[in-house]
Amino acid sequence: MTHAHLTSLVLSLILLIIIVVLQSKGKNIKVWHMVLRATYILIIITGGVLFFAAYSIPVSYYFKSILGIVMIGFFEMVIVRKQKGKRTDIFWIAFSIVLVILFVLGFNLPQGFDLIK
């Protein structure tokens, strides 16, 4: 299930990049945005399965779950604020920080991958 979770996250990041590029060209992003929202559902479902698959749930799992939901919020804030023509600088910075924290937590939790090997 870890692979499905990571794949859906990477797919969401790719879709975010596609949406931002299309927005900067003035194209309609409605369909792409709906597909991105469908990947949110995949992320939440696979994350929930990973969360409840843990034998005992340490605090770091709760923290990662909350940050994951915040991350989805940042996805939406970046897209919608850009669509309305508002500044998104601070949201991109927050998005990047939360993304790095999520990857570090995800790879260090017991169900994650060992990147050092």
C-alpha atoms as a PDB file:
ATOM      1  CA  MET A   1       0.000   0.000   0.000  1.00  0.00           C
ATOM      2  CA  THR A   2       2.997   2.272   0.489  1.00  0.00           C
ATOM      3  CA  HIS A   3       3.666   2.189  -3.249  1.00  0.00           C
ATOM      4  CA  ALA A   4       0.072   3.151  -4.056  1.00  0.00           C
ATOM      5  CA  HIS A   5       0.227   6.033  -1.589  1.00  0.00           C
ATOM      6  CA  LEU A   6       3.510   7.322  -2.969  1.00  0.00           C
ATOM      7  CA  THR A   7       2.325   6.895  -6.570  1.00  0.00           C
ATOM      8  CA  SER A   8      -0.864   8.855  -5.920  1.00  0.00           C
ATOM      9  CA  LEU A   9       1.171  11.619  -4.268  1.00  0.00           C
ATOM     10  CA  VAL A  10       3.582  11.835  -7.209  1.00  0.00           C
ATOM     11  CA  LEU A  11       0.641  11.833  -9.617  1.00  0.00           C
ATOM     12  CA  SER A  12      -0.890  14.713  -7.655  1.00  0.00           C
ATOM     13  CA  LEU A  13       2.346  16.681  -7.836  1.00  0.00           C
ATOM     14  CA  ILE A  14       2.539  16.136 -11.604  1.00  0.00           C
ATOM     15  CA  LEU A  15      -1.075  17.254 -11.989  1.00  0.00           C
ATOM     16  CA  LEU A  16      -0.350  20.351  -9.887  1.00  0.00           C
ATOM     17  CA  ILE A  17       2.512  21.274 -12.190  1.00  0.00           C
ATOM     18  CA  ILE A  18       0.309  20.735 -15.269  1.00  0.00           C
ATOM     19  CA  ILE A  19      -2.430  22.909 -13.759  1.00  0.00           C
ATOM     20  CA  VAL A  20      -0.042  25.733 -12.845  1.00  0.00           C
ATOM     21  CA  VAL A  21       1.476  25.723 -16.348  1.00  0.00           C
ATOM     22  CA  LEU A  22      -1.975  25.738 -17.974  1.00  0.00           C
ATOM     23  CA  GLN A  23      -3.113  28.541 -15.673  1.00  0.00           C
ATOM     24  CA  SER A  24      -0.134  30.671 -16.625  1.00  0.00           C
ATOM     25  CA  LYS A  25      -1.073  30.185 -20.302  1.00  0.00           C
ATOM     26  CA  GLY A  26      -4.668  31.225 -19.595  1.00  0.00           C
ATOM     27  CA  LYS A  27      -6.151  27.824 -20.417  1.00  0.00           C
ATOM     28  CA  ASN A  28      -9.184  26.216 -18.799  1.00  0.00           C
ATOM     29  CA  ILE A  29      -8.129  23.934 -15.942  1.00  0.00           C
ATOM     30  CA  LYS A  30     -11.514  22.724 -14.718  1.00  0.00           C
ATOM     31  CA  VAL A  31     -11.104  19.103 -15.870  1.00  0.00           C
ATOM     32  CA  TRP A  32      -7.497  18.880 -14.654  1.00  0.00           C
ATOM     33  CA  HIS A  33      -8.526  20.316 -11.300  1.00  0.00           C
ATOM     34  CA  MET A  34     -11.264  17.689 -10.920  1.00  0.00           C
ATOM     35  CA  VAL A  35      -8.787  14.901 -11.753  1.00  0.00           C
ATOM     36  CA  LEU A  36      -6.428  16.326  -9.138  1.00  0.00           C
ATOM     37  CA  ARG A  37      -9.250  16.271  -6.590  1.00  0.00           C
ATOM     38  CA  ALA A  38      -9.835  12.606  -7.435  1.00  0.00           C
ATOM     39  CA  THR A  39      -6.195  11.899  -6.599  1.00  0.00           C
ATOM     40  CA  TYR A  40      -6.768  13.565  -3.210  1.00  0.00           C
ATOM     41  CA  ILE A  41      -9.279  10.806  -2.512  1.00  0.00           C
ATOM     42  CA  LEU A  42      -6.658   8.184  -3.420  1.00  0.00           C
ATOM     43  CA  ILE A  43      -4.121   9.845  -1.145  1.00  0.00           C
ATOM     44  CA  ILE A  44      -6.561   9.954   1.769  1.00  0.00           C
ATOM     45  CA  ILE A  45      -7.717   6.348   1.307  1.00  0.00           C
ATOM     46  CA  THR A  46      -4.219   4.886   0.959  1.00  0.00           C
ATOM     47  CA  GLY A  47      -2.971   7.052   3.821  1.00  0.00           C
ATOM     48  CA  GLY A  48      -5.833   5.844   5.991  1.00  0.00           C
ATOM     49  CA  VAL A  49      -5.031   2.228   5.180  1.00  0.00           C
ATOM     50  CA  LEU A  50      -1.375   2.800   6.076  1.00  0.00           C
ATOM     51  CA  PHE A  51      -2.379   4.622   9.258  1.00  0.00           C
ATOM     52  CA  PHE A  52      -4.647   1.853  10.514  1.00  0.00           C
ATOM     53  CA  ALA A  53      -2.266  -0.918   9.373  1.00  0.00           C
ATOM     54  CA  ALA A  54       0.241   0.129  12.025  1.00  0.00           C
ATOM     55  CA  TYR A  55       0.411  -2.261  14.965  1.00  0.00           C
ATOM     56  CA  SER A  56       0.602   0.548  17.481  1.00  0.00           C
ATOM     57  CA  ILE A  57       0.088   4.081  16.274  1.00  0.00           C
ATOM     58  CA  PRO A  58       2.808   6.462  17.494  1.00  0.00           C
ATOM     59  CA  VAL A  59       2.363  10.229  17.615  1.00  0.00           C
ATOM     60  CA  SER A  60       4.411  10.681  14.427  1.00  0.00           C
ATOM     61  CA  TYR A  61       1.645   8.931  12.439  1.00  0.00           C
ATOM     62  CA  TYR A  62      -0.923  11.394  13.774  1.00  0.00           C
ATOM     63  CA  PHE A  63       1.387  14.299  12.961  1.00  0.00           C
ATOM     64  CA  LYS A  64       1.952  13.026   9.416  1.00  0.00           C
ATOM     65  CA  SER A  65      -1.791  12.507   8.905  1.00  0.00           C
ATOM     66  CA  ILE A  66      -2.572  16.069   9.977  1.00  0.00           C
ATOM     67  CA  LEU A  67       0.233  17.445   7.785  1.00  0.00           C
ATOM     68  CA  GLY A  68      -1.073  15.376   4.864  1.00  0.00           C
ATOM     69  CA  ILE A  69      -4.474  17.022   5.144  1.00  0.00           C
ATOM     70  CA  VAL A  70      -2.796  20.436   5.430  1.00  0.00           C
ATOM     71  CA  MET A  71      -0.842  19.574   2.277  1.00  0.00           C
ATOM     72  CA  ILE A  72      -4.051  18.939   0.351  1.00  0.00           C
ATOM     73  CA  GLY A  73      -5.251  22.325   1.580  1.00  0.00           C
ATOM     74  CA  PHE A  74      -2.102  23.946   0.199  1.00  0.00           C
ATOM     75  CA  PHE A  75      -2.689  22.241  -3.165  1.00  0.00           C
ATOM     76  CA  GLU A  76      -6.111  23.864  -3.314  1.00  0.00           C
ATOM     77  CA  MET A  77      -4.984  27.260  -1.998  1.00  0.00           C
ATOM     78  CA  VAL A  78      -2.223  27.549  -4.586  1.00  0.00           C
ATOM     79  CA  ILE A  79      -4.552  26.670  -7.464  1.00  0.00           C
ATOM     80  CA  VAL A  80      -7.540  28.772  -6.404  1.00  0.00           C
ATOM     81  CA  ARG A  81      -5.523  31.848  -5.392  1.00  0.00           C
ATOM     82  CA  LYS A  82      -3.626  31.720  -8.687  1.00  0.00           C
ATOM     83  CA  GLN A  83      -6.937  31.390 -10.514  1.00  0.00           C
ATOM     84  CA  LYS A  84      -8.225  34.517  -8.766  1.00  0.00           C
ATOM     85  CA  GLY A  85      -5.044  36.414  -9.632  1.00  0.00           C
ATOM     86  CA  LYS A  86      -3.850  36.690  -6.027  1.00  0.00           C
ATOM     87  CA  ARG A  87      -0.286  36.204  -4.809  1.00  0.00           C
ATOM     88  CA  THR A  88       0.732  32.643  -4.059  1.00  0.00           C
ATOM     89  CA  ASP A  89       4.349  33.137  -2.937  1.00  0.00           C
ATOM     90  CA  ILE A  90       3.788  32.373   0.739  1.00  0.00           C
ATOM     91  CA  PHE A  91       1.660  29.333  -0.104  1.00  0.00           C
ATOM     92  CA  TRP A  92       4.353  27.934  -2.396  1.00  0.00           C
ATOM     93  CA  ILE A  93       6.911  28.317   0.398  1.00  0.00           C
ATOM     94  CA  ALA A  94       4.613  26.673   2.952  1.00  0.00           C
ATOM     95  CA  PHE A  95       3.746  23.969   0.406  1.00  0.00           C
ATOM     96  CA  SER A  96       7.440  23.185  -0.140  1.00  0.00           C
ATOM     97  CA  ILE A  97       8.220  23.057   3.582  1.00  0.00           C
ATOM     98  CA  VAL A  98       5.281  20.762   4.344  1.00  0.00           C
ATOM     99  CA  LEU A  99       6.170  18.541   1.359  1.00  0.00           C
ATOM    100  CA  VAL A 100       9.735  18.055   2.602  1.00  0.00           C
ATOM    101  CA  ILE A 101       8.532  17.323   6.150  1.00  0.00           C
ATOM    102  CA  LEU A 102       6.001  14.811   4.826  1.00  0.00           C
ATOM    103  CA  PHE A 103       8.590  12.978   2.734  1.00  0.00           C
ATOM    104  CA  VAL A 104      11.059  12.832   5.633  1.00  0.00           C
ATOM    105  CA  LEU A 105       8.376  11.581   8.014  1.00  0.00           C
ATOM    106  CA  GLY A 106       6.986   9.128   5.488  1.00  0.00           C
ATOM    107  CA  PHE A 107      10.332   7.546   4.738  1.00  0.00           C
ATOM    108  CA  ASN A 108      11.344   7.391   8.413  1.00  0.00           C
ATOM    109  CA  LEU A 109       8.161   5.824   9.763  1.00  0.00           C
ATOM    110  CA  PRO A 110       8.216   2.031  10.172  1.00  0.00           C
ATOM    111  CA  GLN A 111       6.139   1.404   7.026  1.00  0.00           C
ATOM    112  CA  GLY A 112       8.307   3.674   4.872  1.00  0.00           C
ATOM    113  CA  PHE A 113      11.355   2.884   2.739  1.00  0.00           C
ATOM    114  CA  ASP A 114      14.944   2.857   3.961  1.00  0.00           C
ATOM    115  CA  LEU A 115      16.643   5.338   1.634  1.00  0.00           C
ATOM    116  CA  ILE A 116      20.142   4.811   3.015  1.00  0.00           C
ATOM    117  CA  LYS A 117      20.522   1.218   1.766  1.00  0.00           C
END
